[in-house]
Amino acid sequence: MGTPKVLMMCPDLPYPIIAGGQMRMASICEGLSKCCQLHIACIAPDIPETTLVWAKELNITIEKIQRTESSNLKSWYQRIIMVMTRNNLQHHRREQHFFNDVFNRTAPELVWLETPYLIRYALEWIKKIPVVVDYWGTSEGAKRIFMSTSGVKKIEKWFIWWTAYGGELRYSKRLKDIASVSRLDADYFQRISPQCRTWPIPIGIIRRHQKNNSELLQSEPGQNMMIFTGDLSYLPNIDAAEHFVRRIFPLIRREIPDAVFRIVGRNPEQKVQALKSIPGVEIRSDVPDLSEEISLSSIYVLPMRLGSGIRSKLFDVFPLSKAIVTTSIGAEGLELCHDKNCLIADKEMDFAQCCIRLLKDEETRVKLGNGAKRLATDVYTQGNINLLIKEVVAKVIDK
């Protein structure tokens, strides 16, 4: 058998890497490009030069269609229909024509959907050729948000979870192959769709996307500096930042008065911006080099209470040998072990004590940081992911 032809459909440009979604797409793209003739069809406003250079390096063909915009009235109508039918996937005829055209022209042996939101465009192909759907997370994330909300908003969050879960039940039962970011998520889909094969494929850490790591590792971290990073318009990140600042950080400052908590990320919402009025809290957005910001901190904190899937932000942290304090949800789906390569605590006082311990104990910081780095050098390497994807492609096409 020759090199298989694969059509990969993406909800956005897979490169440059701006957030966790691009990190996932870029990792899968590289893995597929090593064993397949890869053609990417994506929904994006434009393809910048950096993306074209990246695609050329990997011998990938890429084309795009601009996202279909709906009027406010039509958007509300679509949302109502989504809730009534428990179907969280919107369908746009113009996008359907685009994907059909690419599918017919490329004649792939395998279609890889880099999000379940694109299933609606590939349903008619499922009986013709193998289709792999990559779920970056599960509706458990929406369920956690619903469970943590109170008042009238709880009704809204319940509808969001209800439709998301309904979509999983509706479409996963029609699929034969589901990729996920962790074994935990793979087990979730195995429970709701036992007829489906599930393939846990972690994100790979792509070396060329790390800037000057050897120099960064020699940077002198700020004294008693803690950092948290992420998209600061994303509700689980907003909740984590607020919870840490208001409930945990004061406990740390009692013991270490000069402790500093730096929140770094894109699109900080007003709730996050308001936190900078609290002594010791700093907010930074649109920094030129996230790795440098992480390197200049003593420890990385991940006080997540919401969300699902895995916390892809940690793939920026592992290579930099930073000690990590996280919650059980923050560690979910990753090979993180308490007191081996991180500290895990769910109660506020316990989380604070873990931070205090690391800020005061350089030896433990170094030990945990080295343990975290081994995840980057031994476990979540792109080379490992390439081999895993090659194996999955062979098995899926062979049926």
Protein backbone atom coordinates (compact mmCIF):
# COMPACT_ATOMS: atom_id res chain seq x y z
CA MET A 1 0.00 0.00 0.00
CA GLY A 2 1.30 3.47 -0.89
CA THR A 3 1.22 6.60 1.23
CA PRO A 4 -2.43 7.16 2.22
CA LYS A 5 -4.19 10.38 1.29
CA VAL A 6 -5.81 12.12 4.26
CA LEU A 7 -8.19 15.07 4.31
CA MET A 8 -8.04 16.94 7.60
CA MET A 9 -10.82 19.40 8.39
CA CYS A 10 -10.04 22.14 10.93
CA PRO A 11 -12.24 24.76 12.63
CA ASP A 12 -9.45 27.34 12.34
CA LEU A 13 -5.88 27.71 11.12
CA PRO A 14 -3.73 25.02 12.75
CA TYR A 15 -0.73 27.35 12.78
CA PRO A 16 0.60 29.70 14.17
CA ILE A 17 0.00 28.35 17.65
CA ILE A 18 -2.03 30.94 19.54
CA ALA A 19 -3.93 28.78 22.02
CA GLY A 20 -4.55 25.17 22.99
CA GLY A 21 -6.69 24.50 19.92
CA GLN A 22 -3.85 25.36 17.53
CA MET A 23 -1.41 23.40 19.72
CA ARG A 24 -3.59 20.31 19.29
CA MET A 25 -4.14 20.82 15.56
CA ALA A 26 -0.46 21.48 14.85
CA SER A 27 0.58 18.34 16.72
CA ILE A 28 -1.92 16.14 14.86
CA CYS A 29 -0.99 17.76 11.53
CA GLU A 30 2.70 17.03 12.03
CA GLY A 31 1.94 13.43 12.98
CA LEU A 32 -0.25 12.90 9.91
CA SER A 33 2.25 14.61 7.60
CA LYS A 34 4.92 12.06 8.57
CA CYS A 35 2.89 9.09 7.35
CA CYS A 36 0.32 10.50 4.90
CA GLN A 37 -0.26 12.87 2.01
CA LEU A 38 -2.07 15.51 4.03
CA HIS A 39 -4.53 18.05 2.63
CA ILE A 40 -6.05 20.52 5.13
CA ALA A 41 -9.39 22.27 4.63
CA CYS A 42 -10.09 24.87 7.30
CA ILE A 43 -12.44 27.71 8.23
CA ALA A 44 -10.36 30.87 8.46
CA PRO A 45 -10.39 34.49 7.23
CA ASP A 46 -6.94 34.31 5.61
CA ILE A 47 -3.79 32.18 5.40
CA PRO A 48 -0.78 34.24 6.57
CA GLU A 49 2.78 33.72 5.35
CA THR A 50 3.82 32.00 8.60
CA THR A 51 1.15 29.33 8.02
CA LEU A 52 2.23 28.82 4.40
CA VAL A 53 5.88 28.41 5.45
CA TRP A 54 4.88 25.91 8.14
CA ALA A 55 2.74 23.93 5.66
CA LYS A 56 5.56 23.89 3.09
CA GLU A 57 8.04 22.56 5.69
CA LEU A 58 5.70 19.65 6.43
CA ASN A 59 4.68 19.13 2.78
CA ILE A 60 1.05 19.91 3.60
CA THR A 61 -1.49 21.36 1.17
CA ILE A 62 -3.88 23.82 2.80
CA GLU A 63 -6.96 25.76 1.69
CA LYS A 64 -9.65 27.68 3.51
CA ILE A 65 -13.10 29.18 3.47
CA GLN A 66 -14.17 32.22 5.47
CA ARG A 67 -16.53 31.57 8.37
CA THR A 68 -20.22 32.04 7.56
CA GLU A 69 -21.60 34.88 9.64
CA SER A 70 -25.23 34.87 10.75
CA SER A 71 -27.43 37.80 11.72
CA ASN A 72 -28.34 38.18 15.40
CA LEU A 73 -31.90 37.06 14.69
CA LYS A 74 -30.74 33.98 12.80
CA SER A 75 -28.19 33.15 15.50
CA TRP A 76 -30.89 33.23 18.19
CA TYR A 77 -33.17 31.09 16.02
CA GLN A 78 -30.37 28.55 15.54
CA ARG A 79 -29.71 28.46 19.28
CA ILE A 80 -33.37 27.78 20.02
CA ILE A 81 -33.42 24.94 17.49
CA MET A 82 -30.18 23.56 18.98
CA VAL A 83 -31.71 23.45 22.46
CA MET A 84 -35.03 21.99 21.27
CA THR A 85 -33.31 19.21 19.32
CA ARG A 86 -30.35 18.73 21.69
CA ASN A 87 -28.12 19.29 18.69
CA ASN A 88 -25.24 21.69 19.28
CA LEU A 89 -23.94 21.57 15.70
CA GLN A 90 -24.91 24.36 13.31
CA HIS A 91 -24.93 23.66 9.59
CA HIS A 92 -24.05 26.23 6.91
CA ARG A 93 -24.79 25.36 3.29
CA ARG A 94 -21.90 27.43 1.92
CA GLU A 95 -19.38 25.62 4.13
CA GLN A 96 -20.93 22.27 3.18
CA HIS A 97 -20.34 23.02 -0.52
CA PHE A 98 -16.71 23.92 0.23
CA PHE A 99 -15.97 20.72 2.14
CA ASN A 100 -17.82 18.58 -0.43
CA ASP A 101 -15.76 20.14 -3.20
CA VAL A 102 -12.46 19.52 -1.38
CA PHE A 103 -13.50 15.95 -0.56
CA ASN A 104 -14.39 15.18 -4.18
CA ARG A 105 -11.20 16.76 -5.56
CA THR A 106 -8.79 15.11 -3.12
CA ALA A 107 -10.46 11.65 -3.01
CA PRO A 108 -9.02 10.84 0.45
CA GLU A 109 -8.69 7.38 1.98
CA LEU A 110 -9.28 8.85 5.44
CA VAL A 111 -10.98 11.99 6.78
CA TRP A 112 -9.75 13.41 10.10
CA LEU A 113 -12.01 15.98 11.78
CA GLU A 114 -10.11 18.20 14.19
CA THR A 115 -13.24 18.95 16.22
CA PRO A 116 -16.66 17.32 16.60
CA TYR A 117 -18.24 20.59 15.42
CA LEU A 118 -17.38 19.59 11.85
CA ILE A 119 -19.20 16.23 11.99
CA ARG A 120 -22.24 17.86 10.37
CA TYR A 121 -20.26 18.28 7.14
CA ALA A 122 -18.96 14.70 6.96
CA LEU A 123 -22.01 12.62 7.89
CA GLU A 124 -22.65 11.47 4.32
CA TRP A 125 -19.04 10.25 3.99
CA ILE A 126 -19.01 8.01 7.06
CA LYS A 127 -20.37 4.99 5.16
CA LYS A 128 -17.94 5.52 2.28
CA ILE A 129 -14.55 5.87 3.96
CA PRO A 130 -13.08 5.89 7.49
CA VAL A 131 -13.69 9.12 9.45
CA VAL A 132 -11.83 9.91 12.68
CA VAL A 133 -13.32 12.62 14.91
CA ASP A 134 -10.98 14.32 17.38
CA TYR A 135 -12.72 15.36 20.60
CA TRP A 136 -10.56 17.85 22.52
CA GLY A 137 -12.71 17.42 25.62
CA THR A 138 -16.13 16.24 26.72
CA SER A 139 -19.40 17.77 27.91
CA GLU A 140 -18.15 17.16 31.48
CA GLY A 141 -16.60 20.62 31.21
CA ALA A 142 -20.00 22.21 30.54
CA LYS A 143 -21.49 20.11 33.32
CA ARG A 144 -18.94 21.39 35.83
CA ILE A 145 -19.71 24.97 34.84
CA PHE A 146 -23.44 24.30 35.27
CA MET A 147 -22.87 22.68 38.68
CA SER A 148 -20.77 25.63 39.89
CA THR A 149 -23.27 28.31 38.80
CA SER A 150 -26.12 29.70 40.89
CA GLY A 151 -29.22 31.80 40.30
CA VAL A 152 -30.80 32.41 36.91
CA LYS A 153 -27.50 31.73 35.11
CA LYS A 154 -27.68 28.13 36.28
CA ILE A 155 -30.60 27.57 33.89
CA GLU A 156 -28.58 28.93 30.95
CA LYS A 157 -25.56 26.78 31.85
CA TRP A 158 -27.79 23.73 32.21
CA PHE A 159 -29.13 24.21 28.67
CA ILE A 160 -25.54 24.51 27.35
CA TRP A 161 -24.52 21.27 29.06
CA TRP A 162 -27.77 19.52 28.08
CA THR A 163 -27.34 20.32 24.39
CA ALA A 164 -23.60 19.49 24.44
CA TYR A 165 -24.23 16.12 26.06
CA GLY A 166 -27.13 15.49 23.69
CA GLY A 167 -24.82 16.19 20.75
CA GLU A 168 -22.32 13.66 22.05
CA LEU A 169 -25.00 11.01 22.42
CA ARG A 170 -26.45 11.79 18.98
CA TYR A 171 -23.26 11.77 16.92
CA SER A 172 -20.82 9.51 18.77
CA LYS A 173 -23.17 6.57 18.17
CA ARG A 174 -22.78 7.11 14.40
CA LEU A 175 -18.98 7.06 14.53
CA LYS A 176 -16.56 4.17 14.30
CA ASP A 177 -13.40 5.98 15.43
CA ILE A 178 -12.92 8.75 18.02
CA ALA A 179 -9.58 10.34 18.93
CA SER A 180 -9.21 12.03 22.31
CA VAL A 181 -6.50 13.89 24.20
CA SER A 182 -6.34 11.40 27.09
CA ARG A 183 -7.23 7.91 28.22
CA LEU A 184 -9.76 9.49 30.60
CA ASP A 185 -11.71 11.01 27.70
CA ALA A 186 -11.36 7.84 25.64
CA ASP A 187 -12.98 5.87 28.48
CA TYR A 188 -15.79 8.45 28.62
CA PHE A 189 -16.67 7.91 24.96
CA GLN A 190 -16.28 4.16 25.28
CA ARG A 191 -19.02 4.26 27.91
CA ILE A 192 -21.51 6.26 25.86
CA SER A 193 -20.59 4.65 22.51
CA PRO A 194 -19.32 1.12 23.17
CA GLN A 195 -19.45 0.28 19.45
CA CYS A 196 -16.80 2.93 18.73
CA ARG A 197 -13.04 2.49 18.78
CA THR A 198 -11.37 5.17 20.89
CA TRP A 199 -7.81 6.33 20.31
CA PRO A 200 -6.16 8.38 23.09
CA ILE A 201 -3.58 10.63 21.41
CA PRO A 202 -1.94 13.28 23.65
CA ILE A 203 -0.63 16.60 22.36
CA GLY A 204 3.00 16.50 21.30
CA ILE A 205 5.46 19.18 22.32
CA ILE A 206 6.85 20.49 19.05
CA ARG A 207 10.45 21.53 19.62
CA ARG A 208 10.71 24.23 16.99
CA HIS A 209 7.85 26.14 18.64
CA GLN A 210 9.90 26.61 21.82
CA LYS A 211 12.03 29.73 21.78
CA ASN A 212 15.56 29.64 23.20
CA ASN A 213 14.77 27.15 25.95
CA SER A 214 18.45 26.69 26.85
CA GLU A 215 18.77 30.43 27.47
CA LEU A 216 15.45 30.61 29.27
CA LEU A 217 16.47 27.86 31.68
CA GLN A 218 19.42 30.04 32.73
CA SER A 219 17.14 32.99 33.56
CA GLU A 220 17.01 33.96 37.21
CA PRO A 221 13.38 33.60 38.39
CA GLY A 222 11.73 36.40 40.34
CA GLN A 223 11.79 35.96 44.09
CA ASN A 224 8.46 34.55 45.36
CA MET A 225 6.89 34.97 41.94
CA MET A 226 3.97 32.73 40.92
CA ILE A 227 2.40 32.68 37.47
CA PHE A 228 -0.81 31.52 35.81
CA THR A 229 -1.36 31.67 32.04
CA GLY A 230 -4.16 31.14 29.55
CA ASP A 231 -6.94 32.72 27.51
CA LEU A 232 -8.39 35.16 30.05
CA SER A 233 -11.78 35.33 28.33
CA TYR A 234 -12.30 31.58 28.89
CA LEU A 235 -14.60 30.96 31.87
CA PRO A 236 -12.56 28.13 33.53
CA ASN A 237 -9.46 30.36 33.42
CA ILE A 238 -11.37 33.36 34.77
CA ASP A 239 -12.72 31.22 37.60
CA ALA A 240 -9.25 29.84 38.40
CA ALA A 241 -7.66 33.30 38.51
CA GLU A 242 -10.44 34.81 40.65
CA HIS A 243 -10.54 31.87 43.04
CA PHE A 244 -6.78 31.91 43.56
CA VAL A 245 -6.56 35.67 44.08
CA ARG A 246 -9.51 35.98 46.44
CA ARG A 247 -9.32 32.74 48.43
CA ILE A 248 -5.78 31.32 48.23
CA PHE A 249 -3.38 34.21 47.60
CA PRO A 250 -4.22 35.99 50.91
CA LEU A 251 -3.24 32.81 52.79
CA ILE A 252 0.12 32.81 51.01
CA ARG A 253 0.71 36.53 51.66
CA ARG A 254 0.22 36.01 55.40
CA GLU A 255 3.25 33.73 55.36
CA ILE A 256 5.19 35.42 52.55
CA PRO A 257 4.20 39.13 52.45
CA ASP A 258 6.20 39.90 49.30
CA ALA A 259 4.69 37.06 47.24
CA VAL A 260 3.61 38.10 43.73
CA PHE A 261 0.98 36.48 41.51
CA ARG A 262 1.26 37.25 37.82
CA ILE A 263 -1.67 36.47 35.48
CA VAL A 264 -0.60 36.36 31.84
CA GLY A 265 -2.79 35.77 28.81
CA ARG A 266 -4.88 37.04 25.92
CA ASN A 267 -8.17 38.95 26.12
CA PRO A 268 -8.40 39.59 29.88
CA GLU A 269 -12.06 40.13 30.80
CA GLN A 270 -13.11 42.89 33.18
CA LYS A 271 -13.33 40.43 36.09
CA VAL A 272 -9.68 39.54 35.56
CA GLN A 273 -8.59 43.16 35.06
CA ALA A 274 -10.22 44.06 38.38
CA LEU A 275 -7.88 41.68 40.21
CA LYS A 276 -4.86 43.94 39.63
CA SER A 277 -6.18 46.30 42.32
CA ILE A 278 -5.23 43.66 44.90
CA PRO A 279 -1.67 44.09 46.27
CA GLY A 280 0.78 41.63 44.79
CA VAL A 281 -1.35 40.80 41.73
CA GLU A 282 -0.11 41.68 38.22
CA ILE A 283 -2.00 41.31 34.93
CA ARG A 284 -0.17 41.07 31.61
CA SER A 285 -1.70 40.52 28.18
CA ASP A 286 -0.28 40.01 24.70
CA VAL A 287 3.26 39.31 25.93
CA PRO A 288 5.79 38.72 23.12
CA ASP A 289 7.22 35.52 24.64
CA LEU A 290 5.13 33.44 27.03
CA SER A 291 8.04 31.08 27.74
CA GLU A 292 10.11 33.96 29.05
CA GLU A 293 7.33 35.03 31.41
CA ILE A 294 7.04 31.49 32.78
CA SER A 295 10.82 31.19 33.18
CA LEU A 296 10.98 34.40 35.20
CA SER A 297 8.62 32.95 37.83
CA SER A 298 9.48 30.69 40.75
CA ILE A 299 6.51 28.35 40.39
CA TYR A 300 3.57 27.77 38.06
CA VAL A 301 0.11 27.57 39.64
CA LEU A 302 -2.92 25.96 37.99
CA PRO A 303 -5.90 26.31 40.36
CA MET A 304 -8.44 24.92 37.86
CA ARG A 305 -11.91 23.97 39.11
CA LEU A 306 -13.74 23.85 35.76
CA GLY A 307 -13.17 22.54 32.24
CA SER A 308 -12.52 19.15 30.68
CA GLY A 309 -10.00 17.50 28.41
CA ILE A 310 -6.46 18.42 29.41
CA ARG A 311 -4.83 21.72 30.33
CA SER A 312 -2.74 22.28 27.21
CA LYS A 313 -1.12 25.36 28.79
CA LEU A 314 1.09 22.94 30.75
CA PHE A 315 2.86 21.95 27.52
CA ASP A 316 4.42 25.42 27.64
CA VAL A 317 5.53 24.75 31.22
CA PHE A 318 6.95 21.21 31.15
CA PRO A 319 10.04 21.99 29.01
CA LEU A 320 11.04 24.87 31.31
CA SER A 321 11.61 22.77 34.46
CA LYS A 322 9.07 24.73 36.49
CA ALA A 323 7.56 23.31 39.67
CA ILE A 324 3.78 23.12 39.31
CA VAL A 325 0.99 23.35 41.89
CA THR A 326 -2.36 22.24 40.53
CA THR A 327 -5.72 20.72 41.40
CA SER A 328 -7.06 17.28 40.54
CA ILE A 329 -8.96 18.84 37.63
CA GLY A 330 -5.83 20.66 36.49
CA ALA A 331 -3.91 17.37 36.47
CA GLU A 332 -6.71 15.44 34.78
CA GLY A 333 -5.73 13.30 31.80
CA LEU A 334 -2.00 14.00 32.17
CA GLU A 335 0.79 11.92 33.68
CA LEU A 336 1.09 14.23 36.67
CA CYS A 337 1.84 12.60 40.03
CA HIS A 338 1.79 14.36 43.40
CA ASP A 339 5.27 14.88 44.85
CA LYS A 340 6.91 13.35 41.77
CA ASN A 341 6.49 16.01 39.08
CA CYS A 342 4.00 18.42 40.70
CA LEU A 343 1.99 19.08 43.86
CA ILE A 344 -1.77 18.47 43.74
CA ALA A 345 -4.21 20.06 46.19
CA ASP A 346 -7.94 20.77 45.98
CA LYS A 347 -8.66 22.53 49.28
CA GLU A 348 -7.77 26.20 49.52
CA MET A 349 -5.51 25.90 52.57
CA ASP A 350 -3.76 22.85 51.15
CA PHE A 351 -3.15 24.63 47.84
CA ALA A 352 -1.75 27.66 49.68
CA GLN A 353 0.54 25.46 51.79
CA CYS A 354 1.87 23.76 48.66
CA CYS A 355 2.75 27.15 47.16
CA ILE A 356 4.38 28.31 50.41
CA ARG A 357 6.38 25.09 50.62
CA LEU A 358 7.76 25.50 47.10
CA LEU A 359 8.51 29.20 47.44
CA LYS A 360 10.57 28.44 50.54
CA ASP A 361 12.18 25.16 49.44
CA GLU A 362 14.44 25.44 46.40
CA GLU A 363 15.46 21.77 46.55
CA THR A 364 11.85 20.60 46.18
CA ARG A 365 11.24 23.17 43.44
CA VAL A 366 14.17 21.79 41.46
CA LYS A 367 13.12 18.17 42.01
CA LEU A 368 9.54 18.76 40.85
CA GLY A 369 10.68 20.98 37.98
CA ASN A 370 13.02 18.26 36.72
CA GLY A 371 10.17 15.74 37.02
CA ALA A 372 7.94 18.01 34.93
CA LYS A 373 10.66 18.44 32.31
CA ARG A 374 10.89 14.65 31.91
CA LEU A 375 7.28 14.73 30.72
CA ALA A 376 8.47 16.98 27.88
CA THR A 377 11.57 14.92 27.03
CA ASP A 378 10.24 11.38 27.54
CA VAL A 379 6.42 11.31 27.37
CA TYR A 380 4.80 14.13 25.39
CA THR A 381 7.38 14.34 22.63
CA GLN A 382 6.15 14.96 19.10
CA GLY A 383 8.19 11.96 18.01
CA ASN A 384 6.11 9.71 20.28
CA ILE A 385 2.90 11.24 18.95
CA ASN A 386 4.02 10.76 15.34
CA LEU A 387 4.49 7.02 15.94
CA LEU A 388 1.12 6.78 17.68
CA ILE A 389 -0.69 8.57 14.84
CA LYS A 390 1.00 6.36 12.26
CA GLU A 391 -0.26 3.28 14.12
CA VAL A 392 -3.80 4.68 14.41
CA VAL A 393 -3.97 5.60 10.71
CA ALA A 394 -2.83 2.13 9.69
CA LYS A 395 -5.41 0.42 11.89
CA VAL A 396 -8.28 2.73 10.89
CA ILE A 397 -7.65 2.41 7.14
CA ASP A 398 -7.13 -1.36 7.46
CA LYS A 399 -10.40 -1.57 9.46
